[in-house]
């Protein structure tokens, strides 16, 4: 299982998904579904934009968890 840690990072920076959506130029619904793990796929563009705005690496926002 892959855990998405975007919300935790946003909380630590005192930001929210609306802010991230505006900064990335990605729709709120796309980011919400990604952050909540409600999607089966995410584009490289979304991953790259989120990492750039949050100034982090993929390993900071995605984590593989054993079931």
PDB file of N, CA and C in Angstrom:
ATOM      1  N   UNK A   1       0.842  -1.180   0.000  1.00  0.00           N
ATOM      2  CA  UNK A   1       0.000   0.000   0.000  1.00  0.00           C
ATOM      3  C   UNK A   1       0.889   1.245   0.000  1.00  0.00           C
ATOM      4  N   UNK A   2       0.508   2.228  -0.766  1.00  0.00           N
ATOM      5  CA  UNK A   2       1.257   3.490  -0.810  1.00  0.00           C
ATOM      6  C   UNK A   2       0.492   4.536  -0.014  1.00  0.00           C
ATOM      7  N   UNK A   3       1.188   5.143   0.931  1.00  0.00           N
ATOM      8  CA  UNK A   3       0.602   6.218   1.740  1.00  0.00           C
ATOM      9  C   UNK A   3       1.060   7.557   1.173  1.00  0.00           C
ATOM     10  N   UNK A   4       0.117   8.449   0.972  1.00  0.00           N
ATOM     11  CA  UNK A   4       0.413   9.793   0.490  1.00  0.00           C
ATOM     12  C   UNK A   4       0.469  10.716   1.712  1.00  0.00           C
ATOM     13  N   UNK A   5       1.578  11.442   1.853  1.00  0.00           N
ATOM     14  CA  UNK A   5       1.803  12.257   3.046  1.00  0.00           C
ATOM     15  C   UNK A   5       1.703  13.763   2.782  1.00  0.00           C
ATOM     16  N   UNK A   6       0.975  14.145   1.760  1.00  0.00           N
ATOM     17  CA  UNK A   6       0.856  15.560   1.395  1.00  0.00           C
ATOM     18  C   UNK A   6       0.201  16.370   2.516  1.00  0.00           C
ATOM     19  N   UNK A   7      -0.857  15.849   3.093  1.00  0.00           N
ATOM     20  CA  UNK A   7      -1.570  16.581   4.148  1.00  0.00           C
ATOM     21  C   UNK A   7      -0.655  16.836   5.343  1.00  0.00           C
ATOM     22  N   UNK A   8       0.138  15.845   5.724  1.00  0.00           N
ATOM     23  CA  UNK A   8       1.065  16.019   6.846  1.00  0.00           C
ATOM     24  C   UNK A   8       2.078  17.131   6.564  1.00  0.00           C
ATOM     25  N   UNK A   9       2.581  17.166   5.340  1.00  0.00           N
ATOM     26  CA  UNK A   9       3.543  18.205   4.968  1.00  0.00           C
ATOM     27  C   UNK A   9       2.871  19.577   4.970  1.00  0.00           C
ATOM     28  N   UNK A  10       1.671  19.642   4.409  1.00  0.00           N
ATOM     29  CA  UNK A  10       0.942  20.916   4.407  1.00  0.00           C
ATOM     30  C   UNK A  10       0.667  21.387   5.824  1.00  0.00           C
ATOM     31  N   UNK A  11       0.263  20.476   6.707  1.00  0.00           N
ATOM     32  CA  UNK A  11       0.006  20.840   8.103  1.00  0.00           C
ATOM     33  C   UNK A  11       1.262  21.397   8.770  1.00  0.00           C
ATOM     34  N   UNK A  12       2.401  20.769   8.502  1.00  0.00           N
ATOM     35  CA  UNK A  12       3.650  21.230   9.122  1.00  0.00           C
ATOM     36  C   UNK A  12       4.053  22.613   8.620  1.00  0.00           C
ATOM     37  N   UNK A  13       3.600  22.970   7.428  1.00  0.00           N
ATOM     38  CA  UNK A  13       3.900  24.290   6.854  1.00  0.00           C
ATOM     39  C   UNK A  13       2.750  25.277   7.067  1.00  0.00           C
ATOM     40  N   UNK A  14       1.727  24.825   7.800  1.00  0.00           N
ATOM     41  CA  UNK A  14       0.537  25.629   8.061  1.00  0.00           C
ATOM     42  C   UNK A  14      -0.118  26.103   6.763  1.00  0.00           C
ATOM     43  N   UNK A  15      -0.244  25.176   5.837  1.00  0.00           N
ATOM     44  CA  UNK A  15      -0.886  25.420   4.551  1.00  0.00           C
ATOM     45  C   UNK A  15      -1.991  24.392   4.342  1.00  0.00           C
ATOM     46  N   UNK A  16      -2.776  24.561   3.281  1.00  0.00           N
ATOM     47  CA  UNK A  16      -3.856  23.608   3.004  1.00  0.00           C
ATOM     48  C   UNK A  16      -3.893  23.262   1.509  1.00  0.00           C
ATOM     49  N   UNK A  17      -4.776  22.344   1.149  1.00  0.00           N
ATOM     50  CA  UNK A  17      -4.868  21.906  -0.240  1.00  0.00           C
ATOM     51  C   UNK A  17      -5.279  23.035  -1.183  1.00  0.00           C
ATOM     52  N   UNK A  18      -6.100  23.942  -0.716  1.00  0.00           N
ATOM     53  CA  UNK A  18      -6.516  25.077  -1.549  1.00  0.00           C
ATOM     54  C   UNK A  18      -5.284  25.907  -1.940  1.00  0.00           C
ATOM     55  N   UNK A  19      -4.425  26.165  -0.966  1.00  0.00           N
ATOM     56  CA  UNK A  19      -3.189  26.911  -1.218  1.00  0.00           C
ATOM     57  C   UNK A  19      -2.328  26.157  -2.228  1.00  0.00           C
ATOM     58  N   UNK A  20      -2.167  24.832  -2.015  1.00  0.00           N
ATOM     59  CA  UNK A  20      -1.355  24.011  -2.909  1.00  0.00           C
ATOM     60  C   UNK A  20      -1.933  24.005  -4.322  1.00  0.00           C
ATOM     61  N   UNK A  21      -3.232  23.919  -4.421  1.00  0.00           N
ATOM     62  CA  UNK A  21      -3.907  23.939  -5.711  1.00  0.00           C
ATOM     63  C   UNK A  21      -3.586  25.228  -6.457  1.00  0.00           C
ATOM     64  N   UNK A  22      -3.685  26.344  -5.778  1.00  0.00           N
ATOM     65  CA  UNK A  22      -3.390  27.640  -6.403  1.00  0.00           C
ATOM     66  C   UNK A  22      -1.936  27.740  -6.834  1.00  0.00           C
ATOM     67  N   UNK A  23      -1.016  27.283  -5.989  1.00  0.00           N
ATOM     68  CA  UNK A  23       0.415  27.366  -6.291  1.00  0.00           C
ATOM     69  C   UNK A  23       0.819  26.437  -7.429  1.00  0.00           C
ATOM     70  N   UNK A  24       0.218  25.251  -7.479  1.00  0.00           N
ATOM     71  CA  UNK A  24       0.569  24.254  -8.503  1.00  0.00           C
ATOM     72  C   UNK A  24      -0.154  24.476  -9.820  1.00  0.00           C
ATOM     73  N   UNK A  25      -1.301  25.150  -9.761  1.00  0.00           N
ATOM     74  CA  UNK A  25      -2.116  25.279 -10.962  1.00  0.00           C
ATOM     75  C   UNK A  25      -2.818  23.973 -11.302  1.00  0.00           C
ATOM     76  N   UNK A  26      -3.089  23.184 -10.273  1.00  0.00           N
ATOM     77  CA  UNK A  26      -3.770  21.891 -10.417  1.00  0.00           C
ATOM     78  C   UNK A  26      -5.101  22.009  -9.696  1.00  0.00           C
ATOM     79  N   UNK A  27      -6.146  21.426 -10.273  1.00  0.00           N
ATOM     80  CA  UNK A  27      -7.461  21.561  -9.655  1.00  0.00           C
ATOM     81  C   UNK A  27      -7.481  20.984  -8.243  1.00  0.00           C
ATOM     82  N   UNK A  28      -8.304  21.590  -7.419  1.00  0.00           N
ATOM     83  CA  UNK A  28      -8.448  21.141  -6.039  1.00  0.00           C
ATOM     84  C   UNK A  28      -8.887  19.680  -5.992  1.00  0.00           C
ATOM     85  N   UNK A  29      -9.824  19.304  -6.841  1.00  0.00           N
ATOM     86  CA  UNK A  29     -10.342  17.930  -6.801  1.00  0.00           C
ATOM     87  C   UNK A  29      -9.252  16.912  -7.142  1.00  0.00           C
ATOM     88  N   UNK A  30      -8.379  17.239  -8.075  1.00  0.00           N
ATOM     89  CA  UNK A  30      -7.271  16.344  -8.411  1.00  0.00           C
ATOM     90  C   UNK A  30      -6.340  16.178  -7.222  1.00  0.00           C
ATOM     91  N   UNK A  31      -5.984  17.285  -6.587  1.00  0.00           N
ATOM     92  CA  UNK A  31      -5.095  17.213  -5.427  1.00  0.00           C
ATOM     93  C   UNK A  31      -5.764  16.532  -4.239  1.00  0.00           C
ATOM     94  N   UNK A  32      -7.047  16.789  -4.054  1.00  0.00           N
ATOM     95  CA  UNK A  32      -7.776  16.152  -2.954  1.00  0.00           C
ATOM     96  C   UNK A  32      -7.775  14.634  -3.133  1.00  0.00           C
ATOM     97  N   UNK A  33      -8.126  14.176  -4.320  1.00  0.00           N
ATOM     98  CA  UNK A  33      -8.157  12.737  -4.580  1.00  0.00           C
ATOM     99  C   UNK A  33      -6.779  12.110  -4.404  1.00  0.00           C
ATOM    100  N   UNK A  34      -5.742  12.789  -4.841  1.00  0.00           N
ATOM    101  CA  UNK A  34      -4.378  12.298  -4.668  1.00  0.00           C
ATOM    102  C   UNK A  34      -4.012  12.250  -3.188  1.00  0.00           C
ATOM    103  N   UNK A  35      -4.225  13.344  -2.486  1.00  0.00           N
ATOM    104  CA  UNK A  35      -3.838  13.436  -1.076  1.00  0.00           C
ATOM    105  C   UNK A  35      -4.600  12.451  -0.192  1.00  0.00           C
ATOM    106  N   UNK A  36      -5.821  12.153  -0.551  1.00  0.00           N
ATOM    107  CA  UNK A  36      -6.645  11.246   0.249  1.00  0.00           C
ATOM    108  C   UNK A  36      -6.531   9.790  -0.206  1.00  0.00           C
ATOM    109  N   UNK A  37      -5.708   9.540  -1.195  1.00  0.00           N
ATOM    110  CA  UNK A  37      -5.524   8.180  -1.690  1.00  0.00           C
ATOM    111  C   UNK A  37      -6.740   7.632  -2.397  1.00  0.00           C
ATOM    112  N   UNK A  38      -7.521   8.517  -3.018  1.00  0.00           N
ATOM    113  CA  UNK A  38      -8.750   8.114  -3.694  1.00  0.00           C
ATOM    114  C   UNK A  38      -8.575   7.987  -5.203  1.00  0.00           C
ATOM    115  N   UNK A  39      -7.341   7.786  -5.638  1.00  0.00           N
ATOM    116  CA  UNK A  39      -7.073   7.623  -7.057  1.00  0.00           C
ATOM    117  C   UNK A  39      -6.127   6.454  -7.261  1.00  0.00           C
ATOM    118  N   UNK A  40      -6.200   5.847  -8.412  1.00  0.00           N
ATOM    119  CA  UNK A  40      -5.316   4.727  -8.721  1.00  0.00           C
ATOM    120  C   UNK A  40      -4.109   5.148  -9.546  1.00  0.00           C
ATOM    121  N   UNK A  41      -4.111   6.393 -10.004  1.00  0.00           N
ATOM    122  CA  UNK A  41      -3.014   6.872 -10.838  1.00  0.00           C
ATOM    123  C   UNK A  41      -2.825   8.367 -10.614  1.00  0.00           C
ATOM    124  N   UNK A  42      -1.603   8.807 -10.800  1.00  0.00           N
ATOM    125  CA  UNK A  42      -1.303  10.237 -10.709  1.00  0.00           C
ATOM    126  C   UNK A  42      -0.228  10.533 -11.748  1.00  0.00           C
ATOM    127  N   UNK A  43      -0.362  11.664 -12.408  1.00  0.00           N
ATOM    128  CA  UNK A  43       0.589  11.990 -13.478  1.00  0.00           C
ATOM    129  C   UNK A  43       1.909  12.490 -12.896  1.00  0.00           C
ATOM    130  N   UNK A  44       2.946  12.329 -13.712  1.00  0.00           N
ATOM    131  CA  UNK A  44       4.252  12.842 -13.316  1.00  0.00           C
ATOM    132  C   UNK A  44       4.206  14.358 -13.119  1.00  0.00           C
ATOM    133  N   UNK A  45       3.387  15.041 -13.914  1.00  0.00           N
ATOM    134  CA  UNK A  45       3.275  16.502 -13.783  1.00  0.00           C
ATOM    135  C   UNK A  45       2.756  16.898 -12.413  1.00  0.00           C
ATOM    136  N   UNK A  46       1.768  16.160 -11.905  1.00  0.00           N
ATOM    137  CA  UNK A  46       1.221  16.456 -10.577  1.00  0.00           C
ATOM    138  C   UNK A  46       2.300  16.218  -9.523  1.00  0.00           C
ATOM    139  N   UNK A  47       2.974  15.083  -9.607  1.00  0.00           N
ATOM    140  CA  UNK A  47       4.031  14.777  -8.634  1.00  0.00           C
ATOM    141  C   UNK A  47       5.132  15.830  -8.659  1.00  0.00           C
ATOM    142  N   UNK A  48       5.548  16.205  -9.848  1.00  0.00           N
ATOM    143  CA  UNK A  48       6.612  17.197  -9.976  1.00  0.00           C
ATOM    144  C   UNK A  48       6.182  18.549  -9.414  1.00  0.00           C
ATOM    145  N   UNK A  49       4.981  18.992  -9.735  1.00  0.00           N
ATOM    146  CA  UNK A  49       4.490  20.284  -9.256  1.00  0.00           C
ATOM    147  C   UNK A  49       4.372  20.310  -7.734  1.00  0.00           C
ATOM    148  N   UNK A  50       3.822  19.242  -7.171  1.00  0.00           N
ATOM    149  CA  UNK A  50       3.670  19.177  -5.712  1.00  0.00           C
ATOM    150  C   UNK A  50       5.042  19.219  -5.033  1.00  0.00           C
ATOM    151  N   UNK A  51       5.978  18.450  -5.544  1.00  0.00           N
ATOM    152  CA  UNK A  51       7.323  18.448  -4.960  1.00  0.00           C
ATOM    153  C   UNK A  51       8.005  19.811  -5.085  1.00  0.00           C
ATOM    154  N   UNK A  52       7.842  20.453  -6.222  1.00  0.00           N
ATOM    155  CA  UNK A  52       8.457  21.771  -6.408  1.00  0.00           C
ATOM    156  C   UNK A  52       7.882  22.794  -5.442  1.00  0.00           C
ATOM    157  N   UNK A  53       6.566  22.840  -5.330  1.00  0.00           N
ATOM    158  CA  UNK A  53       5.924  23.829  -4.457  1.00  0.00           C
ATOM    159  C   UNK A  53       6.235  23.554  -2.993  1.00  0.00           C
ATOM    160  N   UNK A  54       6.218  22.289  -2.600  1.00  0.00           N
ATOM    161  CA  UNK A  54       6.474  21.939  -1.195  1.00  0.00           C
ATOM    162  C   UNK A  54       7.966  21.832  -0.885  1.00  0.00           C
ATOM    163  N   UNK A  55       8.795  21.994  -1.918  1.00  0.00           N
ATOM    164  CA  UNK A  55      10.253  21.913  -1.776  1.00  0.00           C
ATOM    165  C   UNK A  55      10.659  20.609  -1.100  1.00  0.00           C
ATOM    166  N   UNK A  56      10.220  19.504  -1.727  1.00  0.00           N
ATOM    167  CA  UNK A  56      10.512  18.189  -1.169  1.00  0.00           C
ATOM    168  C   UNK A  56      10.777  17.198  -2.297  1.00  0.00           C
ATOM    169  N   UNK A  57      11.082  15.978  -1.922  1.00  0.00           N
ATOM    170  CA  UNK A  57      11.307  14.893  -2.877  1.00  0.00           C
ATOM    171  C   UNK A  57      10.113  13.961  -2.871  1.00  0.00           C
ATOM    172  N   UNK A  58      10.054  13.085  -3.882  1.00  0.00           N
ATOM    173  CA  UNK A  58       8.973  12.099  -3.939  1.00  0.00           C
ATOM    174  C   UNK A  58       8.919  11.256  -2.672  1.00  0.00           C
ATOM    175  N   UNK A  59      10.075  10.900  -2.145  1.00  0.00           N
ATOM    176  CA  UNK A  59      10.103  10.065  -0.938  1.00  0.00           C
ATOM    177  C   UNK A  59       9.520  10.785   0.278  1.00  0.00           C
ATOM    178  N   UNK A  60       9.405  12.104   0.205  1.00  0.00           N
ATOM    179  CA  UNK A  60       8.794  12.858   1.302  1.00  0.00           C
ATOM    180  C   UNK A  60       7.274  12.805   1.248  1.00  0.00           C
ATOM    181  N   UNK A  61       6.720  12.636   0.052  1.00  0.00           N
ATOM    182  CA  UNK A  61       5.255  12.659  -0.059  1.00  0.00           C
ATOM    183  C   UNK A  61       4.630  11.282  -0.274  1.00  0.00           C
ATOM    184  N   UNK A  62       5.464  10.307  -0.638  1.00  0.00           N
ATOM    185  CA  UNK A  62       4.953   8.954  -0.857  1.00  0.00           C
ATOM    186  C   UNK A  62       5.733   7.958  -0.004  1.00  0.00           C
ATOM    187  N   UNK A  63       5.014   7.022   0.590  1.00  0.00           N
ATOM    188  CA  UNK A  63       5.657   6.017   1.436  1.00  0.00           C
ATOM    189  C   UNK A  63       4.996   4.665   1.195  1.00  0.00           C
ATOM    190  N   UNK A  64       5.806   3.643   1.019  1.00  0.00           N
ATOM    191  CA  UNK A  64       5.263   2.296   0.871  1.00  0.00           C
ATOM    192  C   UNK A  64       5.110   1.678   2.259  1.00  0.00           C
ATOM    193  N   UNK A  65       3.899   1.229   2.560  1.00  0.00           N
ATOM    194  CA  UNK A  65       3.618   0.607   3.845  1.00  0.00           C
ATOM    195  C   UNK A  65       3.262  -0.860   3.628  1.00  0.00           C
ATOM    196  N   UNK A  66       3.778  -1.686   4.487  1.00  0.00           N
ATOM    197  CA  UNK A  66       3.427  -3.110   4.440  1.00  0.00           C
ATOM    198  C   UNK A  66       2.027  -3.283   4.988  1.00  0.00           C
ATOM    199  N   UNK A  67       1.255  -4.181   4.389  1.00  0.00           N
ATOM    200  CA  UNK A  67      -0.124  -4.419   4.848  1.00  0.00           C
ATOM    201  C   UNK A  67      -0.168  -5.096   6.199  1.00  0.00           C
TER     202      UNK A  67
END
